[in-house]
Amino acid sequence: MRARDKVAVSALRSTLAAVDNAEAVPVGAAELRGSAIEQVPLGVGATEAARRELSEQHITDIVRAEADERLALAEQFTAPAQADRAAQLRAEAAVLLRLLD
């Protein structure tokens, strides 16, 4: 961010969001039903949800999937007017792939 590299910042932010989403524990519909406002816990940390702890391999797989997704999307942009977007996606994928090396 300090280097003002917009491509890298964009790629890293969306990949961090993907990792964050993967850490989320799904909440079942049964857990949501029947919870009255009186039963909601109060206090510091009461609204914190449980998180999964991802292995290094799982995080690597997420980063690789994000890079592959960008490369696949770049291949779909074939019109001359879309060349800039395709180049940006390829640059973002390159940033992510450098992280894996």
N, C-alpha and C. Protein backbone atom coordinates (compact mmCIF):
# COMPACT_ATOMS: atom_id res chain seq x y z
N MET A 1 0.83 -1.19 0.00
CA MET A 1 0.00 0.00 0.00
C MET A 1 0.87 1.25 0.00
N ARG A 2 1.97 1.18 0.72
CA ARG A 2 2.85 2.35 0.76
C ARG A 2 3.47 2.62 -0.60
N ALA A 3 3.71 1.56 -1.36
CA ALA A 3 4.29 1.72 -2.69
C ALA A 3 3.25 2.18 -3.70
N ARG A 4 1.99 2.25 -3.26
CA ARG A 4 0.88 2.68 -4.10
C ARG A 4 0.72 1.79 -5.34
N ASP A 5 0.94 0.50 -5.13
CA ASP A 5 0.77 -0.48 -6.19
C ASP A 5 -0.68 -0.95 -6.16
N LYS A 6 -1.51 -0.32 -6.98
CA LYS A 6 -2.95 -0.60 -6.96
C LYS A 6 -3.26 -2.04 -7.35
N VAL A 7 -2.49 -2.59 -8.26
CA VAL A 7 -2.73 -3.96 -8.70
C VAL A 7 -2.49 -4.93 -7.55
N ALA A 8 -1.36 -4.77 -6.86
CA ALA A 8 -1.04 -5.65 -5.74
C ALA A 8 -2.04 -5.50 -4.61
N VAL A 9 -2.41 -4.28 -4.30
CA VAL A 9 -3.37 -4.03 -3.21
C VAL A 9 -4.71 -4.68 -3.54
N SER A 10 -5.16 -4.54 -4.77
CA SER A 10 -6.43 -5.14 -5.17
C SER A 10 -6.39 -6.66 -5.05
N ALA A 11 -5.32 -7.26 -5.54
CA ALA A 11 -5.19 -8.72 -5.50
C ALA A 11 -5.10 -9.22 -4.06
N LEU A 12 -4.32 -8.55 -3.25
CA LEU A 12 -4.14 -8.99 -1.86
C LEU A 12 -5.40 -8.80 -1.03
N ARG A 13 -6.09 -7.70 -1.23
CA ARG A 13 -7.32 -7.47 -0.45
C ARG A 13 -8.38 -8.52 -0.76
N SER A 14 -8.58 -8.81 -2.02
CA SER A 14 -9.61 -9.80 -2.37
C SER A 14 -9.19 -11.21 -1.93
N THR A 15 -7.90 -11.50 -1.98
CA THR A 15 -7.44 -12.82 -1.53
C THR A 15 -7.54 -12.94 -0.02
N LEU A 16 -7.24 -11.89 0.70
CA LEU A 16 -7.41 -11.92 2.16
C LEU A 16 -8.88 -12.11 2.52
N ALA A 17 -9.77 -11.51 1.74
CA ALA A 17 -11.21 -11.70 1.98
C ALA A 17 -11.60 -13.15 1.73
N ALA A 18 -11.02 -13.78 0.71
CA ALA A 18 -11.31 -15.18 0.42
C ALA A 18 -10.83 -16.08 1.56
N VAL A 19 -9.65 -15.78 2.10
CA VAL A 19 -9.13 -16.54 3.25
C VAL A 19 -10.04 -16.32 4.46
N ASP A 20 -10.43 -15.09 4.67
CA ASP A 20 -11.33 -14.78 5.79
C ASP A 20 -12.64 -15.53 5.66
N ASN A 21 -13.19 -15.60 4.46
CA ASN A 21 -14.43 -16.34 4.23
C ASN A 21 -14.24 -17.83 4.49
N ALA A 22 -13.09 -18.36 4.12
CA ALA A 22 -12.82 -19.78 4.33
C ALA A 22 -12.70 -20.11 5.82
N GLU A 23 -12.28 -19.15 6.62
CA GLU A 23 -12.15 -19.36 8.06
C GLU A 23 -13.49 -19.34 8.78
N ALA A 24 -14.51 -18.78 8.14
CA ALA A 24 -15.82 -18.65 8.78
C ALA A 24 -16.45 -20.03 8.97
N VAL A 25 -17.07 -20.20 10.10
CA VAL A 25 -17.79 -21.43 10.40
C VAL A 25 -19.25 -21.21 10.03
N PRO A 26 -19.81 -22.08 9.18
CA PRO A 26 -21.20 -21.87 8.79
C PRO A 26 -22.15 -22.02 9.98
N VAL A 27 -23.14 -21.16 10.02
CA VAL A 27 -24.14 -21.20 11.08
C VAL A 27 -25.37 -21.88 10.51
N GLY A 28 -25.84 -22.89 11.22
CA GLY A 28 -27.01 -23.63 10.76
C GLY A 28 -28.28 -22.84 10.98
N ALA A 29 -29.29 -23.11 10.18
CA ALA A 29 -30.57 -22.43 10.31
C ALA A 29 -31.22 -22.74 11.65
N ALA A 30 -30.96 -23.94 12.18
CA ALA A 30 -31.54 -24.32 13.47
C ALA A 30 -31.00 -23.45 14.60
N GLU A 31 -29.76 -23.02 14.47
CA GLU A 31 -29.17 -22.16 15.50
C GLU A 31 -29.79 -20.76 15.49
N LEU A 32 -30.28 -20.34 14.33
CA LEU A 32 -30.83 -18.99 14.21
C LEU A 32 -32.29 -18.92 14.65
N ARG A 33 -33.02 -20.04 14.55
CA ARG A 33 -34.43 -20.05 14.90
C ARG A 33 -34.62 -19.99 16.40
N GLY A 34 -35.60 -19.26 16.81
CA GLY A 34 -36.00 -19.25 18.21
C GLY A 34 -35.10 -18.47 19.14
N SER A 35 -34.17 -17.70 18.64
CA SER A 35 -33.33 -16.92 19.55
C SER A 35 -33.99 -15.57 19.81
N ALA A 36 -34.44 -15.39 21.01
CA ALA A 36 -35.09 -14.14 21.40
C ALA A 36 -34.04 -13.13 21.81
N ILE A 37 -34.39 -11.89 21.75
CA ILE A 37 -33.46 -10.82 22.11
C ILE A 37 -33.01 -10.95 23.56
N GLU A 38 -33.85 -11.52 24.39
CA GLU A 38 -33.49 -11.69 25.80
C GLU A 38 -32.39 -12.74 25.98
N GLN A 39 -32.27 -13.64 25.03
CA GLN A 39 -31.29 -14.71 25.14
C GLN A 39 -29.94 -14.36 24.53
N VAL A 40 -29.84 -13.23 23.89
CA VAL A 40 -28.61 -12.83 23.23
C VAL A 40 -27.58 -12.43 24.29
N PRO A 41 -26.37 -13.01 24.23
CA PRO A 41 -25.35 -12.65 25.22
C PRO A 41 -24.87 -11.22 25.05
N LEU A 42 -24.50 -10.61 26.14
CA LEU A 42 -24.02 -9.23 26.13
C LEU A 42 -22.58 -9.20 26.63
N GLY A 43 -21.90 -8.14 26.30
CA GLY A 43 -20.56 -7.94 26.82
C GLY A 43 -19.51 -8.00 25.72
N VAL A 44 -18.27 -7.74 26.12
CA VAL A 44 -17.16 -7.72 25.18
C VAL A 44 -16.94 -9.12 24.63
N GLY A 45 -16.85 -9.24 23.34
CA GLY A 45 -16.60 -10.51 22.69
C GLY A 45 -17.83 -11.39 22.54
N ALA A 46 -18.98 -10.93 22.96
CA ALA A 46 -20.19 -11.75 22.89
C ALA A 46 -20.62 -12.01 21.45
N THR A 47 -20.27 -11.13 20.56
CA THR A 47 -20.70 -11.31 19.17
C THR A 47 -19.62 -11.96 18.32
N GLU A 48 -18.53 -12.38 18.91
CA GLU A 48 -17.47 -13.03 18.16
C GLU A 48 -17.92 -14.43 17.74
N ALA A 49 -17.71 -14.74 16.50
CA ALA A 49 -18.08 -16.05 15.98
C ALA A 49 -16.85 -16.95 15.98
N ALA A 50 -17.09 -18.23 16.12
CA ALA A 50 -15.99 -19.19 16.06
C ALA A 50 -15.37 -19.16 14.67
N ARG A 51 -14.08 -19.35 14.60
CA ARG A 51 -13.37 -19.35 13.32
C ARG A 51 -12.62 -20.66 13.17
N ARG A 52 -12.49 -21.11 11.95
CA ARG A 52 -11.67 -22.29 11.65
C ARG A 52 -10.22 -21.86 11.57
N GLU A 53 -9.35 -22.76 11.91
CA GLU A 53 -7.93 -22.50 11.73
C GLU A 53 -7.49 -23.25 10.48
N LEU A 54 -7.06 -22.51 9.49
CA LEU A 54 -6.67 -23.11 8.21
C LEU A 54 -5.21 -23.53 8.23
N SER A 55 -4.93 -24.62 7.56
CA SER A 55 -3.54 -25.06 7.43
C SER A 55 -2.84 -24.21 6.37
N GLU A 56 -1.54 -24.28 6.36
CA GLU A 56 -0.77 -23.53 5.37
C GLU A 56 -1.11 -24.01 3.97
N GLN A 57 -1.34 -25.31 3.82
CA GLN A 57 -1.70 -25.87 2.52
C GLN A 57 -3.05 -25.34 2.04
N HIS A 58 -4.00 -25.23 2.96
CA HIS A 58 -5.33 -24.73 2.60
C HIS A 58 -5.22 -23.27 2.14
N ILE A 59 -4.45 -22.48 2.83
CA ILE A 59 -4.27 -21.07 2.43
C ILE A 59 -3.57 -20.99 1.07
N THR A 60 -2.57 -21.84 0.87
CA THR A 60 -1.89 -21.89 -0.43
C THR A 60 -2.87 -22.25 -1.54
N ASP A 61 -3.75 -23.19 -1.27
CA ASP A 61 -4.76 -23.58 -2.26
C ASP A 61 -5.70 -22.43 -2.58
N ILE A 62 -6.07 -21.65 -1.57
CA ILE A 62 -6.95 -20.50 -1.79
C ILE A 62 -6.26 -19.45 -2.66
N VAL A 63 -5.01 -19.16 -2.35
CA VAL A 63 -4.25 -18.16 -3.13
C VAL A 63 -4.11 -18.64 -4.57
N ARG A 64 -3.79 -19.92 -4.74
CA ARG A 64 -3.65 -20.47 -6.10
C ARG A 64 -4.99 -20.41 -6.85
N ALA A 65 -6.08 -20.71 -6.17
CA ALA A 65 -7.40 -20.65 -6.81
C ALA A 65 -7.75 -19.23 -7.22
N GLU A 66 -7.40 -18.26 -6.39
CA GLU A 66 -7.65 -16.85 -6.72
C GLU A 66 -6.85 -16.45 -7.97
N ALA A 67 -5.59 -16.89 -8.05
CA ALA A 67 -4.76 -16.58 -9.21
C ALA A 67 -5.32 -17.26 -10.46
N ASP A 68 -5.70 -18.52 -10.33
CA ASP A 68 -6.27 -19.25 -11.47
C ASP A 68 -7.56 -18.62 -11.96
N GLU A 69 -8.37 -18.15 -11.02
CA GLU A 69 -9.62 -17.50 -11.39
C GLU A 69 -9.36 -16.23 -12.19
N ARG A 70 -8.36 -15.48 -11.78
CA ARG A 70 -8.03 -14.24 -12.52
C ARG A 70 -7.52 -14.56 -13.92
N LEU A 71 -6.70 -15.60 -14.03
CA LEU A 71 -6.17 -15.97 -15.35
C LEU A 71 -7.30 -16.46 -16.26
N ALA A 72 -8.24 -17.22 -15.71
CA ALA A 72 -9.37 -17.70 -16.50
C ALA A 72 -10.24 -16.54 -16.98
N LEU A 73 -10.48 -15.59 -16.09
CA LEU A 73 -11.27 -14.41 -16.48
C LEU A 73 -10.55 -13.59 -17.54
N ALA A 74 -9.24 -13.47 -17.41
CA ALA A 74 -8.47 -12.69 -18.39
C ALA A 74 -8.59 -13.31 -19.78
N GLU A 75 -8.66 -14.64 -19.85
CA GLU A 75 -8.80 -15.31 -21.14
C GLU A 75 -10.15 -15.03 -21.78
N GLN A 76 -11.15 -14.74 -20.97
CA GLN A 76 -12.48 -14.46 -21.50
C GLN A 76 -12.59 -13.05 -22.10
N PHE A 77 -11.72 -12.16 -21.68
CA PHE A 77 -11.75 -10.80 -22.21
C PHE A 77 -10.95 -10.75 -23.50
N THR A 78 -11.63 -10.92 -24.62
CA THR A 78 -10.94 -10.99 -25.90
C THR A 78 -11.12 -9.73 -26.74
N ALA A 79 -12.12 -8.94 -26.43
CA ALA A 79 -12.37 -7.73 -27.22
C ALA A 79 -11.26 -6.70 -26.95
N PRO A 80 -10.91 -5.91 -27.95
CA PRO A 80 -9.88 -4.89 -27.75
C PRO A 80 -10.21 -3.89 -26.64
N ALA A 81 -11.48 -3.63 -26.46
CA ALA A 81 -11.89 -2.69 -25.41
C ALA A 81 -11.67 -3.28 -24.02
N GLN A 82 -11.53 -4.59 -23.92
CA GLN A 82 -11.35 -5.25 -22.64
C GLN A 82 -9.89 -5.61 -22.36
N ALA A 83 -9.00 -5.17 -23.20
CA ALA A 83 -7.58 -5.53 -23.06
C ALA A 83 -7.00 -5.00 -21.76
N ASP A 84 -7.40 -3.80 -21.34
CA ASP A 84 -6.87 -3.24 -20.09
C ASP A 84 -7.29 -4.08 -18.89
N ARG A 85 -8.55 -4.51 -18.87
CA ARG A 85 -9.04 -5.33 -17.76
C ARG A 85 -8.33 -6.69 -17.74
N ALA A 86 -8.12 -7.28 -18.91
CA ALA A 86 -7.42 -8.56 -18.99
C ALA A 86 -5.98 -8.41 -18.50
N ALA A 87 -5.33 -7.32 -18.86
CA ALA A 87 -3.96 -7.08 -18.41
C ALA A 87 -3.91 -6.90 -16.90
N GLN A 88 -4.89 -6.21 -16.34
CA GLN A 88 -4.94 -6.02 -14.89
C GLN A 88 -5.13 -7.36 -14.18
N LEU A 89 -6.01 -8.20 -14.70
CA LEU A 89 -6.23 -9.51 -14.09
C LEU A 89 -4.97 -10.38 -14.15
N ARG A 90 -4.27 -10.33 -15.27
CA ARG A 90 -3.01 -11.08 -15.39
C ARG A 90 -1.96 -10.55 -14.41
N ALA A 91 -1.91 -9.24 -14.24
CA ALA A 91 -0.95 -8.65 -13.29
C ALA A 91 -1.29 -9.05 -11.86
N GLU A 92 -2.59 -9.06 -11.52
CA GLU A 92 -3.00 -9.49 -10.18
C GLU A 92 -2.65 -10.95 -9.95
N ALA A 93 -2.86 -11.78 -10.96
CA ALA A 93 -2.50 -13.20 -10.85
C ALA A 93 -1.00 -13.36 -10.65
N ALA A 94 -0.21 -12.55 -11.34
CA ALA A 94 1.25 -12.62 -11.19
C ALA A 94 1.67 -12.26 -9.76
N VAL A 95 1.00 -11.26 -9.17
CA VAL A 95 1.30 -10.89 -7.79
C VAL A 95 1.04 -12.06 -6.86
N LEU A 96 -0.10 -12.71 -7.03
CA LEU A 96 -0.45 -13.84 -6.17
C LEU A 96 0.47 -15.03 -6.38
N LEU A 97 0.85 -15.29 -7.62
CA LEU A 97 1.74 -16.42 -7.89
C LEU A 97 3.14 -16.17 -7.34
N ARG A 98 3.56 -14.90 -7.29
CA ARG A 98 4.86 -14.57 -6.68
C ARG A 98 4.85 -14.89 -5.18
N LEU A 99 3.69 -14.75 -4.56
CA LEU A 99 3.59 -15.06 -3.14
C LEU A 99 3.80 -16.55 -2.88
N LEU A 100 3.42 -17.37 -3.84
CA LEU A 100 3.53 -18.82 -3.68
C LEU A 100 4.93 -19.34 -3.90
N ASP A 101 5.76 -18.57 -4.60
CA ASP A 101 7.14 -19.02 -4.87
C ASP A 101 8.03 -18.90 -3.66
